[in-house]
N, C-alpha and C. Protein backbone atom coordinates (compact mmCIF):
# COMPACT_ATOMS: atom_id res chain seq x y z
N MET A 1 145.00 67.69 112.61
CA MET A 1 145.03 68.69 113.67
C MET A 1 146.39 68.62 114.40
N LYS A 2 147.01 69.74 114.57
CA LYS A 2 148.29 69.79 115.24
C LYS A 2 148.12 69.49 116.75
N GLN A 3 148.96 68.61 117.24
CA GLN A 3 148.92 68.23 118.66
C GLN A 3 149.71 69.25 119.51
N PRO A 4 149.21 69.59 120.68
CA PRO A 4 149.95 70.50 121.54
C PRO A 4 151.24 69.81 122.07
N PHE A 5 152.19 70.56 122.39
CA PHE A 5 153.42 69.98 122.97
C PHE A 5 153.63 70.54 124.38
N ASP A 6 154.39 69.83 125.15
CA ASP A 6 154.66 70.28 126.51
C ASP A 6 156.16 70.24 126.73
N LEU A 7 156.63 71.14 127.58
CA LEU A 7 158.03 71.20 127.90
C LEU A 7 158.34 70.11 128.94
N PRO A 8 159.27 69.20 128.67
CA PRO A 8 159.55 68.09 129.59
C PRO A 8 160.24 68.52 130.87
N ASP A 9 160.88 69.62 130.93
CA ASP A 9 161.63 70.07 132.11
C ASP A 9 160.68 70.90 132.98
N ALA A 10 160.31 70.41 134.17
CA ALA A 10 159.35 71.07 135.03
C ALA A 10 159.80 72.44 135.50
N ARG A 11 161.05 72.57 135.89
CA ARG A 11 161.54 73.89 136.35
C ARG A 11 161.50 74.92 135.22
N MET A 12 161.86 74.47 134.01
CA MET A 12 161.81 75.39 132.88
C MET A 12 160.36 75.76 132.54
N ARG A 13 159.48 74.79 132.58
CA ARG A 13 158.06 75.04 132.29
C ARG A 13 157.51 76.08 133.27
N LYS A 14 157.81 75.93 134.56
CA LYS A 14 157.34 76.91 135.57
C LYS A 14 157.94 78.27 135.29
N ALA A 15 159.21 78.31 134.96
CA ALA A 15 159.86 79.62 134.71
C ALA A 15 159.25 80.29 133.50
N ILE A 16 159.04 79.53 132.45
CA ILE A 16 158.44 80.10 131.24
C ILE A 16 157.01 80.61 131.50
N HIS A 17 156.26 79.83 132.27
CA HIS A 17 154.91 80.22 132.58
C HIS A 17 154.88 81.46 133.51
N ALA A 18 155.94 81.67 134.28
CA ALA A 18 156.04 82.86 135.16
C ALA A 18 156.44 84.10 134.38
N LEU A 19 157.02 83.91 133.18
CA LEU A 19 157.56 85.05 132.45
C LEU A 19 156.54 86.13 132.14
N PRO A 20 155.37 85.85 131.58
CA PRO A 20 154.46 86.93 131.31
C PRO A 20 153.88 87.57 132.55
N TRP A 21 153.83 86.80 133.66
CA TRP A 21 153.35 87.36 134.92
C TRP A 21 154.39 88.35 135.48
N ALA A 22 155.65 88.02 135.37
CA ALA A 22 156.71 88.96 135.79
C ALA A 22 156.66 90.20 134.94
N PHE A 23 156.45 90.01 133.62
CA PHE A 23 156.34 91.12 132.67
C PHE A 23 155.16 92.02 133.06
N ALA A 24 154.04 91.41 133.42
CA ALA A 24 152.84 92.19 133.81
C ALA A 24 153.12 93.00 135.09
N LEU A 25 153.75 92.40 136.07
CA LEU A 25 154.08 93.13 137.31
C LEU A 25 155.05 94.30 136.99
N HIS A 26 156.01 94.03 136.15
CA HIS A 26 156.98 95.05 135.75
C HIS A 26 156.26 96.20 135.06
N ASN A 27 155.34 95.87 134.14
CA ASN A 27 154.61 96.91 133.46
C ASN A 27 153.70 97.69 134.38
N LEU A 28 153.15 97.03 135.39
CA LEU A 28 152.34 97.73 136.40
C LEU A 28 153.19 98.70 137.19
N GLU A 29 154.40 98.28 137.61
CA GLU A 29 155.30 99.18 138.33
C GLU A 29 155.62 100.41 137.48
N GLU A 30 155.88 100.18 136.20
CA GLU A 30 156.19 101.29 135.28
C GLU A 30 155.00 102.23 135.16
N THR A 31 153.83 101.67 134.97
CA THR A 31 152.62 102.49 134.73
C THR A 31 152.34 103.40 135.90
N VAL A 32 152.49 102.91 137.12
CA VAL A 32 152.19 103.70 138.31
C VAL A 32 153.07 104.95 138.39
N GLY A 33 154.34 104.85 138.02
CA GLY A 33 155.23 105.97 138.18
C GLY A 33 155.70 106.72 136.93
N MET A 34 155.28 106.22 135.77
CA MET A 34 155.85 106.79 134.52
C MET A 34 155.50 108.24 134.27
N GLU A 35 154.26 108.62 134.45
CA GLU A 35 153.86 110.01 134.14
C GLU A 35 154.65 111.01 134.96
N ALA A 36 154.69 110.80 136.26
CA ALA A 36 155.46 111.72 137.11
C ALA A 36 156.94 111.73 136.80
N TRP A 37 157.48 110.52 136.50
CA TRP A 37 158.91 110.42 136.19
C TRP A 37 159.27 111.16 134.92
N THR A 38 158.41 111.05 133.87
CA THR A 38 158.71 111.70 132.60
C THR A 38 158.66 113.22 132.71
N HIS A 39 158.02 113.72 133.72
CA HIS A 39 157.98 115.18 133.93
C HIS A 39 159.17 115.69 134.72
N LYS A 40 159.93 114.77 135.36
CA LYS A 40 161.07 115.15 136.15
C LYS A 40 162.42 114.98 135.42
N ILE A 41 162.38 114.30 134.30
CA ILE A 41 163.63 114.01 133.60
C ILE A 41 163.72 114.78 132.29
N PRO A 42 164.90 114.91 131.69
CA PRO A 42 165.00 115.59 130.40
C PRO A 42 164.17 114.86 129.34
N SER A 43 163.53 115.62 128.47
CA SER A 43 162.60 115.00 127.48
C SER A 43 163.30 114.11 126.45
N PHE A 44 164.63 114.32 126.28
CA PHE A 44 165.35 113.47 125.32
C PHE A 44 165.51 112.04 125.89
N VAL A 45 165.41 111.91 127.22
CA VAL A 45 165.45 110.57 127.84
C VAL A 45 164.14 109.82 127.58
N HIS A 46 163.07 110.51 127.88
CA HIS A 46 161.71 109.96 127.64
C HIS A 46 160.75 111.13 127.54
N ALA A 47 160.05 111.22 126.43
CA ALA A 47 159.04 112.31 126.28
C ALA A 47 157.95 112.12 127.31
N PRO A 48 157.40 113.24 127.80
CA PRO A 48 156.29 113.12 128.74
C PRO A 48 155.14 112.27 128.21
N VAL A 49 154.56 111.48 129.09
CA VAL A 49 153.49 110.58 128.72
C VAL A 49 152.50 110.52 129.83
N SER A 50 151.22 110.45 129.52
CA SER A 50 150.22 110.36 130.58
C SER A 50 150.10 108.91 131.03
N THR A 51 149.55 108.73 132.21
CA THR A 51 149.35 107.38 132.74
C THR A 51 148.47 106.57 131.81
N LEU A 52 147.41 107.16 131.29
CA LEU A 52 146.51 106.44 130.38
C LEU A 52 147.21 106.04 129.10
N GLN A 53 147.98 106.93 128.52
CA GLN A 53 148.71 106.62 127.29
C GLN A 53 149.69 105.45 127.51
N PHE A 54 150.40 105.53 128.61
CA PHE A 54 151.35 104.48 128.92
C PHE A 54 150.65 103.17 129.26
N ALA A 55 149.59 103.27 130.02
CA ALA A 55 148.83 102.05 130.42
C ALA A 55 148.27 101.35 129.19
N PHE A 56 147.80 102.10 128.23
CA PHE A 56 147.28 101.50 126.99
C PHE A 56 148.41 100.71 126.29
N ALA A 57 149.54 101.34 126.14
CA ALA A 57 150.66 100.70 125.46
C ALA A 57 151.11 99.44 126.14
N VAL A 58 151.31 99.50 127.43
CA VAL A 58 151.81 98.32 128.14
C VAL A 58 150.73 97.26 128.32
N ALA A 59 149.46 97.63 128.32
CA ALA A 59 148.40 96.61 128.39
C ALA A 59 148.42 95.75 127.11
N ILE A 60 148.55 96.37 125.96
CA ILE A 60 148.64 95.64 124.72
C ILE A 60 149.89 94.80 124.67
N PHE A 61 151.01 95.39 125.06
CA PHE A 61 152.30 94.70 125.09
C PHE A 61 152.24 93.51 126.04
N THR A 62 151.59 93.66 127.18
CA THR A 62 151.48 92.58 128.16
C THR A 62 150.64 91.43 127.61
N ILE A 63 149.54 91.78 126.93
CA ILE A 63 148.70 90.72 126.30
C ILE A 63 149.51 89.96 125.26
N LEU A 64 150.35 90.66 124.51
CA LEU A 64 151.19 89.99 123.50
C LEU A 64 152.16 89.02 124.23
N GLY A 65 152.68 89.46 125.35
CA GLY A 65 153.60 88.61 126.13
C GLY A 65 152.91 87.31 126.62
N PHE A 66 151.67 87.44 127.07
CA PHE A 66 150.94 86.24 127.48
C PHE A 66 150.69 85.35 126.24
N GLY A 67 150.40 85.98 125.13
CA GLY A 67 150.17 85.21 123.90
C GLY A 67 151.40 84.38 123.48
N VAL A 68 152.58 85.00 123.61
CA VAL A 68 153.80 84.29 123.26
C VAL A 68 153.94 82.99 124.04
N VAL A 69 153.59 83.02 125.29
CA VAL A 69 153.77 81.83 126.15
C VAL A 69 152.58 80.87 126.11
N TYR A 70 151.37 81.43 126.13
CA TYR A 70 150.20 80.54 126.33
C TYR A 70 149.45 80.21 125.04
N PHE A 71 149.68 80.90 123.93
CA PHE A 71 149.01 80.59 122.70
C PHE A 71 149.98 79.85 121.78
N ARG A 72 149.99 78.56 121.88
CA ARG A 72 151.00 77.76 121.24
C ARG A 72 150.67 77.27 119.81
N ARG A 73 149.46 77.53 119.39
CA ARG A 73 149.02 77.03 118.08
C ARG A 73 149.96 77.48 116.92
N PRO A 74 150.45 78.73 116.91
CA PRO A 74 151.28 79.14 115.79
C PRO A 74 152.65 78.41 115.71
N TYR A 75 153.05 77.79 116.80
CA TYR A 75 154.39 77.17 116.82
C TYR A 75 154.31 75.76 116.26
N PRO A 76 155.12 75.45 115.29
CA PRO A 76 155.10 74.07 114.74
C PRO A 76 155.65 73.01 115.66
N ASN A 77 156.54 73.41 116.58
CA ASN A 77 157.17 72.46 117.49
C ASN A 77 157.77 73.17 118.71
N GLN A 78 158.28 72.38 119.61
CA GLN A 78 158.87 72.91 120.85
C GLN A 78 160.08 73.81 120.55
N ASP A 79 160.86 73.44 119.56
CA ASP A 79 162.07 74.18 119.20
C ASP A 79 161.68 75.66 118.81
N SER A 80 160.73 75.81 117.95
CA SER A 80 160.35 77.17 117.54
C SER A 80 159.71 77.92 118.69
N PHE A 81 158.93 77.22 119.53
CA PHE A 81 158.37 77.84 120.72
C PHE A 81 159.48 78.40 121.61
N PHE A 82 160.49 77.56 121.88
CA PHE A 82 161.54 77.99 122.78
C PHE A 82 162.38 79.14 122.19
N LYS A 83 162.54 79.15 120.90
CA LYS A 83 163.30 80.28 120.29
C LYS A 83 162.55 81.60 120.49
N VAL A 84 161.23 81.57 120.28
CA VAL A 84 160.44 82.79 120.49
C VAL A 84 160.44 83.18 121.97
N VAL A 85 160.25 82.20 122.87
CA VAL A 85 160.31 82.48 124.30
C VAL A 85 161.68 83.05 124.67
N SER A 86 162.74 82.53 124.08
CA SER A 86 164.08 83.04 124.34
C SER A 86 164.20 84.49 123.89
N GLY A 87 163.54 84.85 122.79
CA GLY A 87 163.54 86.25 122.34
C GLY A 87 162.78 87.11 123.31
N PHE A 88 161.66 86.62 123.81
CA PHE A 88 160.87 87.35 124.82
C PHE A 88 161.68 87.53 126.10
N ALA A 89 162.34 86.45 126.56
CA ALA A 89 163.17 86.51 127.77
C ALA A 89 164.33 87.47 127.54
N GLY A 90 164.95 87.37 126.37
CA GLY A 90 166.07 88.25 126.05
C GLY A 90 165.67 89.71 126.00
N MET A 91 164.48 89.97 125.45
CA MET A 91 163.96 91.36 125.42
C MET A 91 163.84 91.89 126.85
N LEU A 92 163.27 91.06 127.73
CA LEU A 92 163.11 91.51 129.15
C LEU A 92 164.45 91.71 129.83
N LEU A 93 165.40 90.83 129.53
CA LEU A 93 166.74 90.96 130.09
C LEU A 93 167.38 92.26 129.65
N LEU A 94 167.33 92.51 128.35
CA LEU A 94 167.92 93.78 127.85
C LEU A 94 167.17 95.01 128.40
N ASN A 95 165.88 94.85 128.60
CA ASN A 95 165.09 95.97 129.14
C ASN A 95 165.46 96.32 130.59
N VAL A 96 165.93 95.33 131.32
CA VAL A 96 166.41 95.61 132.69
C VAL A 96 167.62 96.51 132.61
N LEU A 97 168.53 96.22 131.69
CA LEU A 97 169.75 97.00 131.56
C LEU A 97 169.53 98.32 130.88
N PHE A 98 168.80 98.29 129.74
CA PHE A 98 168.53 99.47 128.93
C PHE A 98 167.05 99.60 128.78
N PRO A 99 166.33 100.39 129.40
CA PRO A 99 166.76 101.66 129.99
C PRO A 99 166.79 101.69 131.52
N HIS A 100 166.20 100.68 132.17
CA HIS A 100 165.94 100.84 133.64
C HIS A 100 167.19 101.04 134.49
N LEU A 101 168.10 100.11 134.43
CA LEU A 101 169.28 100.22 135.27
C LEU A 101 170.15 101.41 134.80
N LEU A 102 170.34 101.54 133.53
CA LEU A 102 171.11 102.68 132.99
C LEU A 102 170.52 104.01 133.38
N ALA A 103 169.21 104.16 133.25
CA ALA A 103 168.56 105.44 133.63
C ALA A 103 168.69 105.72 135.12
N THR A 104 168.54 104.69 135.93
CA THR A 104 168.66 104.86 137.40
C THR A 104 170.05 105.31 137.75
N ILE A 105 171.05 104.74 137.12
CA ILE A 105 172.46 105.09 137.42
C ILE A 105 172.75 106.51 136.88
N LEU A 106 172.46 106.76 135.61
CA LEU A 106 172.81 108.06 135.02
C LEU A 106 172.04 109.22 135.57
N LEU A 107 170.75 109.02 135.88
CA LEU A 107 169.92 110.10 136.39
C LEU A 107 169.95 110.19 137.94
N ARG A 108 170.57 109.16 138.54
CA ARG A 108 170.71 109.10 140.01
C ARG A 108 169.37 109.23 140.73
N GLN A 109 168.39 108.52 140.14
CA GLN A 109 167.06 108.51 140.73
C GLN A 109 166.34 107.23 140.30
N TYR A 110 165.33 106.89 141.00
CA TYR A 110 164.53 105.75 140.67
C TYR A 110 163.90 105.89 139.29
N ALA A 111 164.04 104.86 138.48
CA ALA A 111 163.35 104.80 137.16
C ALA A 111 162.27 103.76 137.28
N PRO A 112 161.02 104.12 136.98
CA PRO A 112 159.93 103.15 137.09
C PRO A 112 160.24 101.83 136.33
N GLY A 113 160.14 100.73 137.05
CA GLY A 113 160.39 99.44 136.49
C GLY A 113 161.72 98.83 136.91
N VAL A 114 162.56 99.63 137.57
CA VAL A 114 163.89 99.10 137.93
C VAL A 114 163.82 98.04 139.05
N VAL A 115 162.84 98.18 139.96
CA VAL A 115 162.74 97.22 141.05
C VAL A 115 162.32 95.84 140.57
N THR A 116 161.20 95.78 139.82
CA THR A 116 160.77 94.50 139.30
C THR A 116 161.73 93.97 138.25
N GLY A 117 162.37 94.92 137.52
CA GLY A 117 163.35 94.50 136.56
C GLY A 117 164.51 93.73 137.21
N LEU A 118 165.03 94.31 138.27
CA LEU A 118 166.18 93.68 138.95
C LEU A 118 165.79 92.45 139.78
N LEU A 119 164.66 92.53 140.50
CA LEU A 119 164.27 91.44 141.39
C LEU A 119 163.53 90.31 140.74
N LEU A 120 162.79 90.58 139.63
CA LEU A 120 162.00 89.51 138.99
C LEU A 120 162.58 89.17 137.62
N ASN A 121 162.59 90.14 136.73
CA ASN A 121 162.92 89.88 135.34
C ASN A 121 164.36 89.44 135.15
N LEU A 122 165.29 90.03 135.80
CA LEU A 122 166.72 89.68 135.62
C LEU A 122 166.97 88.21 136.02
N PRO A 123 166.65 87.80 137.21
CA PRO A 123 166.95 86.37 137.55
C PRO A 123 166.11 85.39 136.73
N LEU A 124 164.88 85.73 136.44
CA LEU A 124 164.02 84.80 135.70
C LEU A 124 164.50 84.62 134.26
N THR A 125 164.84 85.73 133.61
CA THR A 125 165.27 85.63 132.21
C THR A 125 166.64 84.98 132.11
N LEU A 126 167.54 85.28 133.05
CA LEU A 126 168.84 84.59 133.05
C LEU A 126 168.67 83.10 133.27
N PHE A 127 167.78 82.71 134.17
CA PHE A 127 167.49 81.30 134.40
C PHE A 127 167.02 80.60 133.11
N ILE A 128 166.04 81.23 132.47
CA ILE A 128 165.46 80.64 131.24
C ILE A 128 166.54 80.49 130.15
N LEU A 129 167.28 81.53 129.94
CA LEU A 129 168.32 81.47 128.87
C LEU A 129 169.44 80.51 129.20
N ILE A 130 169.92 80.56 130.43
CA ILE A 130 171.03 79.65 130.81
C ILE A 130 170.56 78.19 130.84
N ARG A 131 169.40 77.94 131.40
CA ARG A 131 168.89 76.60 131.47
C ARG A 131 168.59 76.05 130.06
N GLY A 132 168.08 76.93 129.19
CA GLY A 132 167.84 76.53 127.84
C GLY A 132 169.11 76.10 127.12
N ILE A 133 170.20 76.82 127.40
CA ILE A 133 171.49 76.48 126.86
C ILE A 133 171.97 75.14 127.42
N ARG A 134 171.88 74.96 128.73
CA ARG A 134 172.33 73.71 129.38
C ARG A 134 171.51 72.53 128.92
N LEU A 135 170.23 72.69 128.67
CA LEU A 135 169.38 71.60 128.21
C LEU A 135 169.57 71.29 126.71
N GLY A 136 170.34 72.20 126.04
CA GLY A 136 170.56 71.99 124.61
C GLY A 136 169.41 72.45 123.75
N TRP A 137 168.50 73.23 124.30
CA TRP A 137 167.35 73.73 123.59
C TRP A 137 167.74 74.90 122.68
N ILE A 138 168.84 75.57 123.03
CA ILE A 138 169.31 76.71 122.27
C ILE A 138 170.81 76.82 122.49
N SER A 139 171.54 77.31 121.51
CA SER A 139 172.97 77.51 121.64
C SER A 139 173.21 78.87 122.26
N VAL A 140 174.44 79.10 122.74
CA VAL A 140 174.81 80.42 123.23
C VAL A 140 174.57 81.46 122.18
N ARG A 141 175.02 81.16 120.97
CA ARG A 141 174.84 82.09 119.85
C ARG A 141 173.32 82.35 119.59
N GLY A 142 172.57 81.24 119.65
CA GLY A 142 171.12 81.36 119.44
C GLY A 142 170.45 82.20 120.51
N ALA A 143 170.90 82.08 121.76
CA ALA A 143 170.34 82.86 122.87
C ALA A 143 170.68 84.32 122.71
N VAL A 144 171.89 84.61 122.30
CA VAL A 144 172.32 86.00 122.07
C VAL A 144 171.53 86.59 120.91
N LEU A 145 171.40 85.84 119.84
CA LEU A 145 170.65 86.30 118.67
C LEU A 145 169.17 86.52 119.01
N ALA A 146 168.58 85.56 119.72
CA ALA A 146 167.17 85.69 120.11
C ALA A 146 166.99 86.90 121.01
N SER A 147 167.93 87.14 121.94
CA SER A 147 167.85 88.30 122.83
C SER A 147 167.94 89.59 122.04
N LEU A 148 168.86 89.70 121.11
CA LEU A 148 169.01 90.89 120.30
C LEU A 148 167.76 91.12 119.43
N CYS A 149 167.28 90.05 118.80
CA CYS A 149 166.06 90.20 117.97
C CYS A 149 164.88 90.57 118.86
N GLY A 150 164.74 89.93 120.03
CA GLY A 150 163.68 90.27 120.95
C GLY A 150 163.79 91.73 121.41
N GLY A 151 164.99 92.17 121.67
CA GLY A 151 165.19 93.55 122.08
C GLY A 151 164.78 94.55 121.02
N VAL A 152 165.13 94.27 119.77
CA VAL A 152 164.74 95.14 118.65
C VAL A 152 163.23 95.15 118.48
N VAL A 153 162.65 93.95 118.43
CA VAL A 153 161.19 93.86 118.25
C VAL A 153 160.48 94.53 119.44
N GLY A 154 160.99 94.28 120.64
CA GLY A 154 160.37 94.92 121.82
C GLY A 154 160.47 96.41 121.83
N ALA A 155 161.61 96.95 121.43
CA ALA A 155 161.78 98.41 121.39
C ALA A 155 160.81 99.00 120.33
N PHE A 156 160.74 98.35 119.18
CA PHE A 156 159.84 98.81 118.13
C PHE A 156 158.39 98.78 118.61
N LEU A 157 157.98 97.66 119.18
CA LEU A 157 156.61 97.51 119.67
C LEU A 157 156.28 98.54 120.75
N ALA A 158 157.20 98.72 121.67
CA ALA A 158 156.96 99.70 122.77
C ALA A 158 156.78 101.10 122.20
N ALA A 159 157.66 101.47 121.27
CA ALA A 159 157.55 102.82 120.67
C ALA A 159 156.29 102.97 119.86
N ALA A 160 155.95 101.95 119.08
CA ALA A 160 154.74 102.00 118.24
C ALA A 160 153.49 102.05 119.10
N LEU A 161 153.42 101.22 120.13
CA LEU A 161 152.24 101.20 120.99
C LEU A 161 152.09 102.51 121.79
N LEU A 162 153.19 103.08 122.19
CA LEU A 162 153.15 104.36 122.90
C LEU A 162 152.67 105.46 121.96
N GLN A 163 153.07 105.41 120.69
CA GLN A 163 152.57 106.37 119.71
C GLN A 163 151.09 106.23 119.50
N VAL A 164 150.61 104.99 119.41
CA VAL A 164 149.16 104.74 119.26
C VAL A 164 148.45 105.30 120.48
N GLY A 165 149.00 105.04 121.67
CA GLY A 165 148.39 105.55 122.92
C GLY A 165 148.30 107.07 122.88
N ARG A 166 149.33 107.72 122.40
CA ARG A 166 149.32 109.19 122.31
C ARG A 166 148.29 109.67 121.27
N LEU A 167 148.10 108.94 120.22
CA LEU A 167 147.18 109.33 119.18
C LEU A 167 145.72 109.21 119.67
N ILE A 168 145.41 108.12 120.31
CA ILE A 168 144.02 107.89 120.70
C ILE A 168 143.65 108.50 122.04
N MET A 169 144.69 108.91 122.80
CA MET A 169 144.42 109.56 124.12
C MET A 169 145.35 110.75 124.23
N PRO A 170 145.07 111.84 123.53
CA PRO A 170 145.93 113.03 123.62
C PRO A 170 146.09 113.50 125.05
N TYR A 171 147.22 114.06 125.32
CA TYR A 171 147.57 114.50 126.68
C TYR A 171 146.52 115.40 127.22
């Protein structure tokens, strides 16, 4: 039977355990304002979506985020765990910049998720990635690669889950 592992750095452990909670709060902020926002912006930026459709997608996505951090059985060791967590953190970091901050700047209006993105996700993800590099758990190249992979996987999952939400809950 595989033994569970624990992260020896207490600050990093707390930050990693906070990551899915920050993600959940971010998704809640998005859910509350997304329907109204998608009706005020050009459809090429984001197609209109109902609150239920969006809530379905982010609920599944949020559960997956908790699974990444708290369901450690699939990880053979701490190294693989931290690489996946780095991908999750990198996905959230990129999500702050694209689309939230970019949309807020270009559209000159509040984009749902920008507040929690800037105040929670940005500092938390930067801390995790930078501390992971300083502790030698991941290289700079590895952190960049994990972030890019996490961003691609996250964008794909978000789009796919939103499509499923639209299919099972038509507007």
